[in-house]
């Protein structure tokens, strides 16, 4: 979502305004606090997408990629658990 916001902001003000008015942006706009439901939804999405990459790299035998994905996944879990306040 942050990447999309950055890209929209860089391409045009019209696209940036449109993205910031979508339900996705409004529901997940992080201002240092989130609902428990939003945190769980994001953590589940991150876990699902990371596990797909982890499995695909594991099939190819890319150990370094799996280690990097594991570190990224741990960072996300710690950040959303302890870094973002629950409303």
C-alpha atoms as a PDB file:
ATOM      1  CA  UNK A   1       0.000   0.000   0.000  1.00  0.00           C
ATOM      2  CA  UNK A   2       2.860   2.375   0.789  1.00  0.00           C
ATOM      3  CA  UNK A   3       4.493   1.619  -2.555  1.00  0.00           C
ATOM      4  CA  UNK A   4       1.215   2.327  -4.361  1.00  0.00           C
ATOM      5  CA  UNK A   5       0.778   5.606  -2.480  1.00  0.00           C
ATOM      6  CA  UNK A   6       4.342   6.638  -3.328  1.00  0.00           C
ATOM      7  CA  UNK A   7       3.914   5.769  -7.016  1.00  0.00           C
ATOM      8  CA  UNK A   8       0.556   7.563  -7.243  1.00  0.00           C
ATOM      9  CA  UNK A   9       1.987  10.632  -5.552  1.00  0.00           C
ATOM     10  CA  UNK A  10       4.885  10.731  -8.001  1.00  0.00           C
ATOM     11  CA  UNK A  11       2.766  10.241 -11.131  1.00  0.00           C
ATOM     12  CA  UNK A  12      -0.029  12.759 -10.668  1.00  0.00           C
ATOM     13  CA  UNK A  13      -1.968  14.654  -8.050  1.00  0.00           C
ATOM     14  CA  UNK A  14      -5.240  13.336  -9.482  1.00  0.00           C
ATOM     15  CA  UNK A  15      -4.212   9.692  -8.980  1.00  0.00           C
ATOM     16  CA  UNK A  16      -2.840  10.474  -5.539  1.00  0.00           C
ATOM     17  CA  UNK A  17      -6.135  12.077  -4.510  1.00  0.00           C
ATOM     18  CA  UNK A  18      -8.112   9.164  -5.900  1.00  0.00           C
ATOM     19  CA  UNK A  19      -6.021   6.602  -4.004  1.00  0.00           C
ATOM     20  CA  UNK A  20      -6.294   8.489  -0.728  1.00  0.00           C
ATOM     21  CA  UNK A  21     -10.084   8.540  -1.078  1.00  0.00           C
ATOM     22  CA  UNK A  22     -10.401   4.766  -1.564  1.00  0.00           C
ATOM     23  CA  UNK A  23     -11.827   2.549   1.177  1.00  0.00           C
ATOM     24  CA  UNK A  24      -8.561   0.552   1.261  1.00  0.00           C
ATOM     25  CA  UNK A  25      -6.505   3.623   2.106  1.00  0.00           C
ATOM     26  CA  UNK A  26      -8.986   5.001   4.627  1.00  0.00           C
ATOM     27  CA  UNK A  27      -9.340   1.654   6.425  1.00  0.00           C
ATOM     28  CA  UNK A  28      -5.589   1.077   6.674  1.00  0.00           C
ATOM     29  CA  UNK A  29      -4.250   4.618   7.012  1.00  0.00           C
ATOM     30  CA  UNK A  30      -1.732   4.226   9.811  1.00  0.00           C
ATOM     31  CA  UNK A  31      -1.448   7.149  12.182  1.00  0.00           C
ATOM     32  CA  UNK A  32       0.383   5.129  14.841  1.00  0.00           C
ATOM     33  CA  UNK A  33      -2.805   3.256  15.736  1.00  0.00           C
ATOM     34  CA  UNK A  34      -4.952   0.615  14.060  1.00  0.00           C
ATOM     35  CA  UNK A  35      -7.904  -1.532  14.911  1.00  0.00           C
ATOM     36  CA  UNK A  36      -7.181  -5.103  15.937  1.00  0.00           C
ATOM     37  CA  UNK A  37      -9.032  -6.314  12.848  1.00  0.00           C
ATOM     38  CA  UNK A  38      -6.847  -4.232  10.502  1.00  0.00           C
ATOM     39  CA  UNK A  39      -3.663  -5.439  12.212  1.00  0.00           C
ATOM     40  CA  UNK A  40      -4.730  -9.084  11.939  1.00  0.00           C
ATOM     41  CA  UNK A  41      -5.728  -8.617   8.280  1.00  0.00           C
ATOM     42  CA  UNK A  42      -2.359  -7.082   7.414  1.00  0.00           C
ATOM     43  CA  UNK A  43      -0.368  -9.681   9.356  1.00  0.00           C
ATOM     44  CA  UNK A  44      -2.284 -12.519   7.673  1.00  0.00           C
ATOM     45  CA  UNK A  45      -1.695 -10.993   4.230  1.00  0.00           C
ATOM     46  CA  UNK A  46       2.017 -10.569   4.917  1.00  0.00           C
ATOM     47  CA  UNK A  47       2.252 -14.143   6.224  1.00  0.00           C
ATOM     48  CA  UNK A  48       0.444 -15.573   3.194  1.00  0.00           C
ATOM     49  CA  UNK A  49       2.495 -13.670   0.627  1.00  0.00           C
ATOM     50  CA  UNK A  50       5.767 -14.319   2.433  1.00  0.00           C
ATOM     51  CA  UNK A  51       5.027 -18.030   2.713  1.00  0.00           C
ATOM     52  CA  UNK A  52       4.338 -18.258  -1.030  1.00  0.00           C
ATOM     53  CA  UNK A  53       7.732 -16.697  -1.754  1.00  0.00           C
ATOM     54  CA  UNK A  54       9.353 -18.864   0.901  1.00  0.00           C
ATOM     55  CA  UNK A  55       7.946 -22.063  -0.648  1.00  0.00           C
ATOM     56  CA  UNK A  56       8.854 -21.049  -4.196  1.00  0.00           C
ATOM     57  CA  UNK A  57      12.417 -20.181  -3.225  1.00  0.00           C
ATOM     58  CA  UNK A  58      12.675 -23.359  -1.174  1.00  0.00           C
ATOM     59  CA  UNK A  59      11.779 -25.433  -4.220  1.00  0.00           C
ATOM     60  CA  UNK A  60      14.596 -23.775  -6.146  1.00  0.00           C
ATOM     61  CA  UNK A  61      17.053 -24.170  -3.270  1.00  0.00           C
ATOM     62  CA  UNK A  62      17.633 -20.437  -2.728  1.00  0.00           C
ATOM     63  CA  UNK A  63      18.657 -20.405   0.923  1.00  0.00           C
ATOM     64  CA  UNK A  64      19.678 -16.744   1.108  1.00  0.00           C
ATOM     65  CA  UNK A  65      16.281 -15.676  -0.246  1.00  0.00           C
ATOM     66  CA  UNK A  66      14.520 -17.735   2.393  1.00  0.00           C
ATOM     67  CA  UNK A  67      16.620 -16.164   5.138  1.00  0.00           C
ATOM     68  CA  UNK A  68      15.829 -12.655   3.861  1.00  0.00           C
ATOM     69  CA  UNK A  69      12.097 -13.437   3.675  1.00  0.00           C
ATOM     70  CA  UNK A  70      12.175 -14.858   7.188  1.00  0.00           C
ATOM     71  CA  UNK A  71      13.841 -11.699   8.518  1.00  0.00           C
ATOM     72  CA  UNK A  72      11.317  -9.485   6.702  1.00  0.00           C
ATOM     73  CA  UNK A  73       8.423 -11.566   8.051  1.00  0.00           C
ATOM     74  CA  UNK A  74       9.758 -11.379  11.626  1.00  0.00           C
ATOM     75  CA  UNK A  75      10.202  -7.603  11.297  1.00  0.00           C
ATOM     76  CA  UNK A  76       6.600  -7.202  10.119  1.00  0.00           C
ATOM     77  CA  UNK A  77       5.210  -9.327  12.928  1.00  0.00           C
ATOM     78  CA  UNK A  78       7.213  -7.493  15.608  1.00  0.00           C
ATOM     79  CA  UNK A  79       6.364  -4.078  14.156  1.00  0.00           C
ATOM     80  CA  UNK A  80       2.622  -4.665  13.948  1.00  0.00           C
ATOM     81  CA  UNK A  81       2.521  -6.393  17.321  1.00  0.00           C
ATOM     82  CA  UNK A  82       4.572  -3.881  19.331  1.00  0.00           C
ATOM     83  CA  UNK A  83       5.118  -0.808  17.133  1.00  0.00           C
ATOM     84  CA  UNK A  84       1.554   0.018  16.138  1.00  0.00           C
ATOM     85  CA  UNK A  85      -0.942   0.787  18.905  1.00  0.00           C
ATOM     86  CA  UNK A  86      -4.250  -1.046  18.868  1.00  0.00           C
ATOM     87  CA  UNK A  87      -7.349   1.143  19.036  1.00  0.00           C
END
